[in-house]
Amino acid sequence: MKISVEQKDENRRAILDAAVDLMIEKGFRSMTMRAVARKAGIGDATIYNYFPTKESLVQGYYMEALETAVRTLSEVENFDGFDLRERLQALFETILEGYLADREFVSETFSSVFFRPVPADRGVRAIRARFLEIATEQFEAAEESGELPDLMLKELVYHCLWDYFVAVTLYWLKDDSEQFVNTTVFIDKSLDLGYVMLKAGVLDKITGLASFLFKSHVLSRIEMFTEQRDTFKRLKDEFMGHAPA
C-alpha cells in the first residue's frame, strides 16, 4: 500500500528517534536494525527502505538535524533582514539547540561520523554538500545586497566555514559552562573577527600579496636557476671537450 509523504516523514523521524534512544541505551555495536524497527513501530524489512545500515541511520540523524535547523530559521521573523554574521550565528546556534536533547548521542557519534578513516563516505559527503549549499546561499545573498565584496576564493571560504562548524560542535560537546555560555561567547567573538575580515576583503588582499610574492620572488628565482643550469651545462661541455654547436 502506498503511503503519503507525510507518513514517510513521520516514519523516518520515528526511526531516528528510536535509533537515538537505543544507541544511548545499548551502544552502537549492540543496537540492531530489527530492534530499531520494532521500537519505531514499523516492519523489520521496512526500515531498510529508509536506512540500509546502522551507519546510514547515524548519518541520517545529522542530515535531519541540519534540515530541521533550516526549517526553523525559515520561520524566524525578518530572518532575510539579518546580516551575514547574524544569519550564520543563528544557523550554528539553531543546529546546536537541535542537538541539545540528544547531546549524549551526539557526543558518542559526532567524531566517528565526521572524522572517519575514509572521508569519501557518501553519507558524510551528502551532509557536507548540504551544509555548503546553505552557506553558499547566505554568502550569495550578502554579495547581492552589497553587504560583502565579491570574494575571489569563495570555495575556500565555504569549506573553511564547514571546518569551523565542526570545530564549534566539538567545542560545545566539551563545554561544561552553565547553559553553554562559553560556546556562545566563542561563536560570537570568532564570527565577529571573521565577518570583519570578509567585509574588509582581508582574504583577497592576503591572496593578492601571496600572488605578488610568488611572481616577483619565486618565479624570478626559477628563472635564475634556469640560467645557472644553462651556464653549468655550457662549462661542463667545454671542459669535456664538447663545445656546444
C-alpha atoms as a PDB file:
ATOM      1  CA  MET A   1       0.000   0.000   0.000  1.00  0.00           C
ATOM      2  CA  LYS A   2       1.342   3.409  -0.996  1.00  0.00           C
ATOM      3  CA  ILE A   3       1.849   5.799   1.896  1.00  0.00           C
ATOM      4  CA  SER A   4       1.854   9.592   1.861  1.00  0.00           C
ATOM      5  CA  VAL A   5       4.892  11.819   2.000  1.00  0.00           C
ATOM      6  CA  GLU A   6       3.780  12.953   5.444  1.00  0.00           C
ATOM      7  CA  GLN A   7       3.650   9.339   6.664  1.00  0.00           C
ATOM      8  CA  LYS A   8       7.110   8.675   5.232  1.00  0.00           C
ATOM      9  CA  ASP A   9       8.452  11.705   7.097  1.00  0.00           C
ATOM     10  CA  GLU A  10       6.814  10.504  10.301  1.00  0.00           C
ATOM     11  CA  ASN A  11       8.284   7.009   9.867  1.00  0.00           C
ATOM     12  CA  ARG A  12      11.718   8.453   9.196  1.00  0.00           C
ATOM     13  CA  ARG A  13      11.535  10.625  12.293  1.00  0.00           C
ATOM     14  CA  ALA A  14      10.296   7.692  14.411  1.00  0.00           C
ATOM     15  CA  ILE A  15      13.183   5.526  13.189  1.00  0.00           C
ATOM     16  CA  LEU A  16      15.744   8.201  14.015  1.00  0.00           C
ATOM     17  CA  ASP A  17      14.239   8.804  17.463  1.00  0.00           C
ATOM     18  CA  ALA A  18      14.265   5.068  18.172  1.00  0.00           C
ATOM     19  CA  ALA A  19      17.862   4.756  16.983  1.00  0.00           C
ATOM     20  CA  VAL A  20      18.999   7.599  19.236  1.00  0.00           C
ATOM     21  CA  ASP A  21      17.308   6.040  22.283  1.00  0.00           C
ATOM     22  CA  LEU A  22      18.662   2.552  21.606  1.00  0.00           C
ATOM     23  CA  MET A  23      22.162   3.769  20.845  1.00  0.00           C
ATOM     24  CA  ILE A  24      22.305   5.643  24.128  1.00  0.00           C
ATOM     25  CA  GLU A  25      20.900   2.596  25.947  1.00  0.00           C
ATOM     26  CA  LYS A  26      22.830  -0.217  24.262  1.00  0.00           C
ATOM     27  CA  GLY A  27      25.640   1.373  22.289  1.00  0.00           C
ATOM     28  CA  PHE A  28      26.222   1.288  18.560  1.00  0.00           C
ATOM     29  CA  ARG A  29      27.552  -2.281  18.381  1.00  0.00           C
ATOM     30  CA  SER A  30      24.725  -3.846  20.385  1.00  0.00           C
ATOM     31  CA  MET A  31      21.949  -1.933  18.643  1.00  0.00           C
ATOM     32  CA  THR A  32      20.273  -3.867  15.810  1.00  0.00           C
ATOM     33  CA  MET A  33      18.186  -2.674  12.903  1.00  0.00           C
ATOM     34  CA  ARG A  34      15.413  -5.046  13.986  1.00  0.00           C
ATOM     35  CA  ALA A  35      15.313  -3.504  17.462  1.00  0.00           C
ATOM     36  CA  VAL A  36      15.151  -0.011  15.956  1.00  0.00           C
ATOM     37  CA  ALA A  37      12.305  -1.034  13.626  1.00  0.00           C
ATOM     38  CA  ARG A  38      10.268  -2.555  16.432  1.00  0.00           C
ATOM     39  CA  LYS A  39      10.790   0.411  18.727  1.00  0.00           C
ATOM     40  CA  ALA A  40       9.752   2.735  15.885  1.00  0.00           C
ATOM     41  CA  GLY A  41       6.636   0.639  15.257  1.00  0.00           C
ATOM     42  CA  ILE A  42       7.407  -0.350  11.669  1.00  0.00           C
ATOM     43  CA  GLY A  43       8.090  -3.664   9.951  1.00  0.00           C
ATOM     44  CA  ASP A  44      11.500  -5.313  10.254  1.00  0.00           C
ATOM     45  CA  ALA A  45      12.043  -5.110   6.499  1.00  0.00           C
ATOM     46  CA  THR A  46      10.515  -1.660   6.059  1.00  0.00           C
ATOM     47  CA  ILE A  47      13.333   0.074   7.924  1.00  0.00           C
ATOM     48  CA  TYR A  48      15.730  -0.785   5.089  1.00  0.00           C
ATOM     49  CA  ASN A  49      13.640   1.334   2.736  1.00  0.00           C
ATOM     50  CA  TYR A  50      14.718   4.320   4.817  1.00  0.00           C
ATOM     51  CA  PHE A  51      18.178   3.387   6.086  1.00  0.00           C
ATOM     52  CA  PRO A  52      20.144   0.438   4.660  1.00  0.00           C
ATOM     53  CA  THR A  53      22.711   0.296   7.502  1.00  0.00           C
ATOM     54  CA  LYS A  54      23.272   1.414  11.072  1.00  0.00           C
ATOM     55  CA  GLU A  55      25.874   3.874   9.809  1.00  0.00           C
ATOM     56  CA  SER A  56      23.338   5.480   7.498  1.00  0.00           C
ATOM     57  CA  LEU A  57      20.979   5.813  10.472  1.00  0.00           C
ATOM     58  CA  VAL A  58      23.538   7.903  12.348  1.00  0.00           C
ATOM     59  CA  GLN A  59      24.301   9.990   9.274  1.00  0.00           C
ATOM     60  CA  GLY A  60      20.573  10.416   8.717  1.00  0.00           C
ATOM     61  CA  TYR A  61      20.291  11.969  12.166  1.00  0.00           C
ATOM     62  CA  TYR A  62      22.776  14.701  11.298  1.00  0.00           C
ATOM     63  CA  MET A  63      21.202  15.408   7.936  1.00  0.00           C
ATOM     64  CA  GLU A  64      17.774  15.645   9.561  1.00  0.00           C
ATOM     65  CA  ALA A  65      19.152  17.978  12.249  1.00  0.00           C
ATOM     66  CA  LEU A  66      20.540  20.243   9.538  1.00  0.00           C
ATOM     67  CA  GLU A  67      17.260  20.319   7.616  1.00  0.00           C
ATOM     68  CA  THR A  68      15.312  20.961  10.827  1.00  0.00           C
ATOM     69  CA  ALA A  69      17.544  23.955  11.589  1.00  0.00           C
ATOM     70  CA  VAL A  70      16.902  25.344   8.095  1.00  0.00           C
ATOM     71  CA  ARG A  71      13.131  24.959   8.527  1.00  0.00           C
ATOM     72  CA  THR A  72      13.286  26.624  11.936  1.00  0.00           C
ATOM     73  CA  LEU A  73      15.218  29.598  10.564  1.00  0.00           C
ATOM     74  CA  SER A  74      12.784  29.969   7.678  1.00  0.00           C
ATOM     75  CA  GLU A  75      10.095  30.707  10.266  1.00  0.00           C
ATOM     76  CA  VAL A  76      12.128  33.385  12.063  1.00  0.00           C
ATOM     77  CA  GLU A  77      10.555  36.795  11.509  1.00  0.00           C
ATOM     78  CA  ASN A  78      12.673  39.067   9.280  1.00  0.00           C
ATOM     79  CA  PHE A  79      15.466  36.477   9.012  1.00  0.00           C
ATOM     80  CA  ASP A  80      16.207  37.746   5.499  1.00  0.00           C
ATOM     81  CA  GLY A  81      16.863  41.148   7.041  1.00  0.00           C
ATOM     82  CA  PHE A  82      19.701  39.795   9.194  1.00  0.00           C
ATOM     83  CA  ASP A  83      23.248  40.496   8.076  1.00  0.00           C
ATOM     84  CA  LEU A  84      25.503  37.568   7.163  1.00  0.00           C
ATOM     85  CA  ARG A  85      27.104  37.370  10.579  1.00  0.00           C
ATOM     86  CA  GLU A  86      23.720  37.225  12.314  1.00  0.00           C
ATOM     87  CA  ARG A  87      22.429  34.575   9.914  1.00  0.00           C
ATOM     88  CA  LEU A  88      25.472  32.363  10.421  1.00  0.00           C
ATOM     89  CA  GLN A  89      25.293  32.709  14.196  1.00  0.00           C
ATOM     90  CA  ALA A  90      21.595  31.832  14.109  1.00  0.00           C
ATOM     91  CA  LEU A  91      22.360  28.790  11.942  1.00  0.00           C
ATOM     92  CA  PHE A  92      25.054  27.417  14.262  1.00  0.00           C
ATOM     93  CA  GLU A  93      23.101  28.061  17.442  1.00  0.00           C
ATOM     94  CA  THR A  94      19.926  26.535  15.990  1.00  0.00           C
ATOM     95  CA  ILE A  95      21.789  23.372  14.984  1.00  0.00           C
ATOM     96  CA  LEU A  96      23.289  23.076  18.477  1.00  0.00           C
ATOM     97  CA  GLU A  97      19.880  23.643  20.064  1.00  0.00           C
ATOM     98  CA  GLY A  98      18.619  20.745  17.971  1.00  0.00           C
ATOM     99  CA  TYR A  99      21.450  18.569  19.257  1.00  0.00           C
ATOM    100  CA  LEU A 100      20.792  19.501  22.878  1.00  0.00           C
ATOM    101  CA  ALA A 101      18.087  16.917  23.663  1.00  0.00           C
ATOM    102  CA  ASP A 102      20.337  14.205  22.161  1.00  0.00           C
ATOM    103  CA  ARG A 103      23.658  15.541  23.459  1.00  0.00           C
ATOM    104  CA  GLU A 104      24.759  12.143  24.781  1.00  0.00           C
ATOM    105  CA  PHE A 105      24.115  10.589  21.378  1.00  0.00           C
ATOM    106  CA  VAL A 106      25.943  13.412  19.580  1.00  0.00           C
ATOM    107  CA  SER A 107      28.868  13.085  21.967  1.00  0.00           C
ATOM    108  CA  GLU A 108      29.139   9.368  21.150  1.00  0.00           C
ATOM    109  CA  THR A 109      28.761   9.629  17.383  1.00  0.00           C
ATOM    110  CA  PHE A 110      29.892  13.026  16.089  1.00  0.00           C
ATOM    111  CA  SER A 111      33.601  12.268  15.834  1.00  0.00           C
ATOM    112  CA  SER A 112      33.023   8.839  14.300  1.00  0.00           C
ATOM    113  CA  VAL A 113      30.833  10.377  11.594  1.00  0.00           C
ATOM    114  CA  PHE A 114      32.892  13.425  10.692  1.00  0.00           C
ATOM    115  CA  PHE A 115      36.376  12.029  11.305  1.00  0.00           C
ATOM    116  CA  ARG A 116      36.002   8.684   9.578  1.00  0.00           C
ATOM    117  CA  PRO A 117      39.140   6.944   8.265  1.00  0.00           C
ATOM    118  CA  VAL A 118      37.507   7.044   4.823  1.00  0.00           C
ATOM    119  CA  PRO A 119      36.371  10.659   4.325  1.00  0.00           C
ATOM    120  CA  ALA A 120      34.817   9.803   0.955  1.00  0.00           C
ATOM    121  CA  ASP A 121      31.834   8.150   2.661  1.00  0.00           C
ATOM    122  CA  ARG A 122      28.742   9.040   0.629  1.00  0.00           C
ATOM    123  CA  GLY A 123      26.549   9.876   3.627  1.00  0.00           C
ATOM    124  CA  VAL A 124      29.080  12.290   5.101  1.00  0.00           C
ATOM    125  CA  ARG A 125      29.669  13.863   1.695  1.00  0.00           C
ATOM    126  CA  ALA A 126      25.919  14.472   1.405  1.00  0.00           C
ATOM    127  CA  ILE A 127      25.777  16.227   4.795  1.00  0.00           C
ATOM    128  CA  ARG A 128      28.793  18.351   3.928  1.00  0.00           C
ATOM    129  CA  ALA A 129      27.390  19.208   0.499  1.00  0.00           C
ATOM    130  CA  ARG A 130      24.068  20.291   2.016  1.00  0.00           C
ATOM    131  CA  PHE A 131      25.833  22.450   4.601  1.00  0.00           C
ATOM    132  CA  LEU A 132      27.945  24.092   1.893  1.00  0.00           C
ATOM    133  CA  GLU A 133      24.798  24.713  -0.159  1.00  0.00           C
ATOM    134  CA  ILE A 134      23.199  26.510   2.790  1.00  0.00           C
ATOM    135  CA  ALA A 135      26.375  28.537   3.394  1.00  0.00           C
ATOM    136  CA  THR A 136      26.616  29.447  -0.294  1.00  0.00           C
ATOM    137  CA  GLU A 137      23.049  30.787  -0.263  1.00  0.00           C
ATOM    138  CA  GLN A 138      23.856  33.046   2.687  1.00  0.00           C
ATOM    139  CA  PHE A 139      27.057  34.416   1.143  1.00  0.00           C
ATOM    140  CA  GLU A 140      25.454  34.990  -2.249  1.00  0.00           C
ATOM    141  CA  ALA A 141      22.635  36.924  -0.607  1.00  0.00           C
ATOM    142  CA  ALA A 142      25.206  39.074   1.218  1.00  0.00           C
ATOM    143  CA  GLU A 143      27.086  39.768  -2.013  1.00  0.00           C
ATOM    144  CA  GLU A 144      23.936  40.592  -3.986  1.00  0.00           C
ATOM    145  CA  SER A 145      22.853  43.113  -1.348  1.00  0.00           C
ATOM    146  CA  GLY A 146      26.292  44.764  -1.375  1.00  0.00           C
ATOM    147  CA  GLU A 147      26.957  43.723   2.212  1.00  0.00           C
ATOM    148  CA  LEU A 148      30.102  41.838   1.149  1.00  0.00           C
ATOM    149  CA  PRO A 149      32.541  42.467  -1.688  1.00  0.00           C
ATOM    150  CA  ASP A 150      32.758  39.833  -4.420  1.00  0.00           C
ATOM    151  CA  LEU A 151      35.115  37.218  -2.943  1.00  0.00           C
ATOM    152  CA  MET A 152      37.914  35.733  -5.030  1.00  0.00           C
ATOM    153  CA  LEU A 153      38.232  32.480  -3.090  1.00  0.00           C
ATOM    154  CA  LYS A 154      34.604  31.675  -2.369  1.00  0.00           C
ATOM    155  CA  GLU A 155      35.008  27.906  -2.316  1.00  0.00           C
ATOM    156  CA  LEU A 156      37.846  28.188   0.187  1.00  0.00           C
ATOM    157  CA  VAL A 157      35.699  30.366   2.451  1.00  0.00           C
ATOM    158  CA  TYR A 158      32.783  27.936   2.275  1.00  0.00           C
ATOM    159  CA  HIS A 159      34.968  24.935   3.110  1.00  0.00           C
ATOM    160  CA  CYS A 160      36.593  26.827   5.980  1.00  0.00           C
ATOM    161  CA  LEU A 161      33.095  27.510   7.288  1.00  0.00           C
ATOM    162  CA  TRP A 162      32.397  23.761   7.293  1.00  0.00           C
ATOM    163  CA  ASP A 163      35.585  23.159   9.307  1.00  0.00           C
ATOM    164  CA  TYR A 164      34.515  25.954  11.633  1.00  0.00           C
ATOM    165  CA  PHE A 165      31.117  24.309  12.158  1.00  0.00           C
ATOM    166  CA  VAL A 166      32.796  21.006  13.082  1.00  0.00           C
ATOM    167  CA  ALA A 167      35.140  22.825  15.485  1.00  0.00           C
ATOM    168  CA  VAL A 168      32.227  24.693  17.108  1.00  0.00           C
ATOM    169  CA  THR A 169      30.330  21.435  17.656  1.00  0.00           C
ATOM    170  CA  LEU A 170      33.361  19.765  19.228  1.00  0.00           C
ATOM    171  CA  TYR A 171      33.854  22.811  21.458  1.00  0.00           C
ATOM    172  CA  TRP A 172      30.193  22.671  22.516  1.00  0.00           C
ATOM    173  CA  LEU A 173      30.457  18.970  23.356  1.00  0.00           C
ATOM    174  CA  LYS A 174      33.317  19.753  25.759  1.00  0.00           C
ATOM    175  CA  ASP A 175      31.697  22.890  27.179  1.00  0.00           C
ATOM    176  CA  ASP A 176      30.642  22.429  30.811  1.00  0.00           C
ATOM    177  CA  SER A 177      29.776  26.082  31.463  1.00  0.00           C
ATOM    178  CA  GLU A 178      26.271  26.985  32.592  1.00  0.00           C
ATOM    179  CA  GLN A 179      23.871  27.000  29.616  1.00  0.00           C
ATOM    180  CA  PHE A 180      26.956  26.606  27.382  1.00  0.00           C
ATOM    181  CA  VAL A 181      27.734  30.293  27.708  1.00  0.00           C
ATOM    182  CA  ASN A 182      31.369  29.679  26.710  1.00  0.00           C
ATOM    183  CA  THR A 183      30.231  28.279  23.367  1.00  0.00           C
ATOM    184  CA  THR A 184      28.020  31.309  22.811  1.00  0.00           C
ATOM    185  CA  VAL A 185      30.940  33.648  23.516  1.00  0.00           C
ATOM    186  CA  PHE A 186      33.240  31.596  21.285  1.00  0.00           C
ATOM    187  CA  ILE A 187      30.811  31.753  18.355  1.00  0.00           C
ATOM    188  CA  ASP A 188      30.104  35.439  18.922  1.00  0.00           C
ATOM    189  CA  LYS A 189      33.743  36.560  19.037  1.00  0.00           C
ATOM    190  CA  SER A 190      35.044  34.279  16.280  1.00  0.00           C
ATOM    191  CA  LEU A 191      32.255  35.251  13.876  1.00  0.00           C
ATOM    192  CA  ASP A 192      32.868  38.912  14.675  1.00  0.00           C
ATOM    193  CA  LEU A 193      36.508  38.531  13.646  1.00  0.00           C
ATOM    194  CA  GLY A 194      35.720  36.529  10.512  1.00  0.00           C
ATOM    195  CA  TYR A 195      32.984  38.924   9.431  1.00  0.00           C
ATOM    196  CA  VAL A 196      35.208  41.983   9.801  1.00  0.00           C
ATOM    197  CA  MET A 197      37.927  40.271   7.751  1.00  0.00           C
ATOM    198  CA  LEU A 198      35.475  39.349   4.992  1.00  0.00           C
ATOM    199  CA  LYS A 199      33.963  42.828   4.812  1.00  0.00           C
ATOM    200  CA  ALA A 200      37.422  44.396   4.636  1.00  0.00           C
ATOM    201  CA  GLY A 201      38.468  41.992   1.888  1.00  0.00           C
ATOM    202  CA  VAL A 202      41.391  40.797   4.021  1.00  0.00           C
ATOM    203  CA  LEU A 203      41.403  37.311   2.490  1.00  0.00           C
ATOM    204  CA  ASP A 204      41.573  38.692  -1.042  1.00  0.00           C
ATOM    205  CA  LYS A 205      44.333  41.117  -0.016  1.00  0.00           C
ATOM    206  CA  ILE A 206      46.349  38.270   1.503  1.00  0.00           C
ATOM    207  CA  THR A 207      45.812  36.245  -1.660  1.00  0.00           C
ATOM    208  CA  GLY A 208      46.943  39.185  -3.789  1.00  0.00           C
ATOM    209  CA  LEU A 209      50.046  39.624  -1.647  1.00  0.00           C
ATOM    210  CA  ALA A 210      50.870  35.929  -1.876  1.00  0.00           C
ATOM    211  CA  SER A 211      50.432  36.040  -5.643  1.00  0.00           C
ATOM    212  CA  PHE A 212      52.730  39.085  -5.898  1.00  0.00           C
ATOM    213  CA  LEU A 213      55.422  37.465  -3.749  1.00  0.00           C
ATOM    214  CA  PHE A 214      55.212  34.267  -5.768  1.00  0.00           C
ATOM    215  CA  LYS A 215      55.528  36.062  -9.089  1.00  0.00           C
ATOM    216  CA  SER A 216      58.200  38.525  -8.017  1.00  0.00           C
ATOM    217  CA  HIS A 217      60.383  36.172  -5.975  1.00  0.00           C
ATOM    218  CA  VAL A 218      59.676  32.508  -6.635  1.00  0.00           C
ATOM    219  CA  LEU A 219      59.334  32.775 -10.414  1.00  0.00           C
ATOM    220  CA  SER A 220      62.369  35.068 -10.669  1.00  0.00           C
ATOM    221  CA  ARG A 221      64.387  32.530  -8.683  1.00  0.00           C
ATOM    222  CA  ILE A 222      63.263  29.793 -11.054  1.00  0.00           C
ATOM    223  CA  GLU A 223      64.467  31.869 -14.000  1.00  0.00           C
ATOM    224  CA  MET A 224      67.788  32.484 -12.225  1.00  0.00           C
ATOM    225  CA  PHE A 225      68.244  28.764 -11.522  1.00  0.00           C
ATOM    226  CA  THR A 226      67.431  28.006 -15.148  1.00  0.00           C
ATOM    227  CA  GLU A 227      70.114  30.459 -16.322  1.00  0.00           C
ATOM    228  CA  GLN A 228      72.620  28.979 -13.878  1.00  0.00           C
ATOM    229  CA  ARG A 229      71.789  25.483 -15.069  1.00  0.00           C
ATOM    230  CA  ASP A 230      72.451  26.501 -18.671  1.00  0.00           C
ATOM    231  CA  THR A 231      75.752  28.099 -17.645  1.00  0.00           C
ATOM    232  CA  PHE A 232      76.884  24.988 -15.764  1.00  0.00           C
ATOM    233  CA  LYS A 233      75.943  22.833 -18.734  1.00  0.00           C
ATOM    234  CA  ARG A 234      77.985  25.028 -21.111  1.00  0.00           C
ATOM    235  CA  LEU A 235      81.024  24.950 -18.803  1.00  0.00           C
ATOM    236  CA  LYS A 236      80.730  21.168 -18.461  1.00  0.00           C
ATOM    237  CA  ASP A 237      80.550  20.729 -22.237  1.00  0.00           C
ATOM    238  CA  GLU A 238      83.585  22.958 -22.729  1.00  0.00           C
ATOM    239  CA  PHE A 239      85.555  21.118 -20.040  1.00  0.00           C
ATOM    240  CA  MET A 240      84.731  17.754 -21.569  1.00  0.00           C
ATOM    241  CA  GLY A 241      85.794  18.966 -24.997  1.00  0.00           C
ATOM    242  CA  HIS A 242      82.297  19.035 -26.395  1.00  0.00           C
ATOM    243  CA  ALA A 243      81.678  22.693 -27.003  1.00  0.00           C
ATOM    244  CA  PRO A 244      78.090  23.455 -27.877  1.00  0.00           C
ATOM    245  CA  ALA A 245      77.329  23.984 -31.557  1.00  0.00           C
END
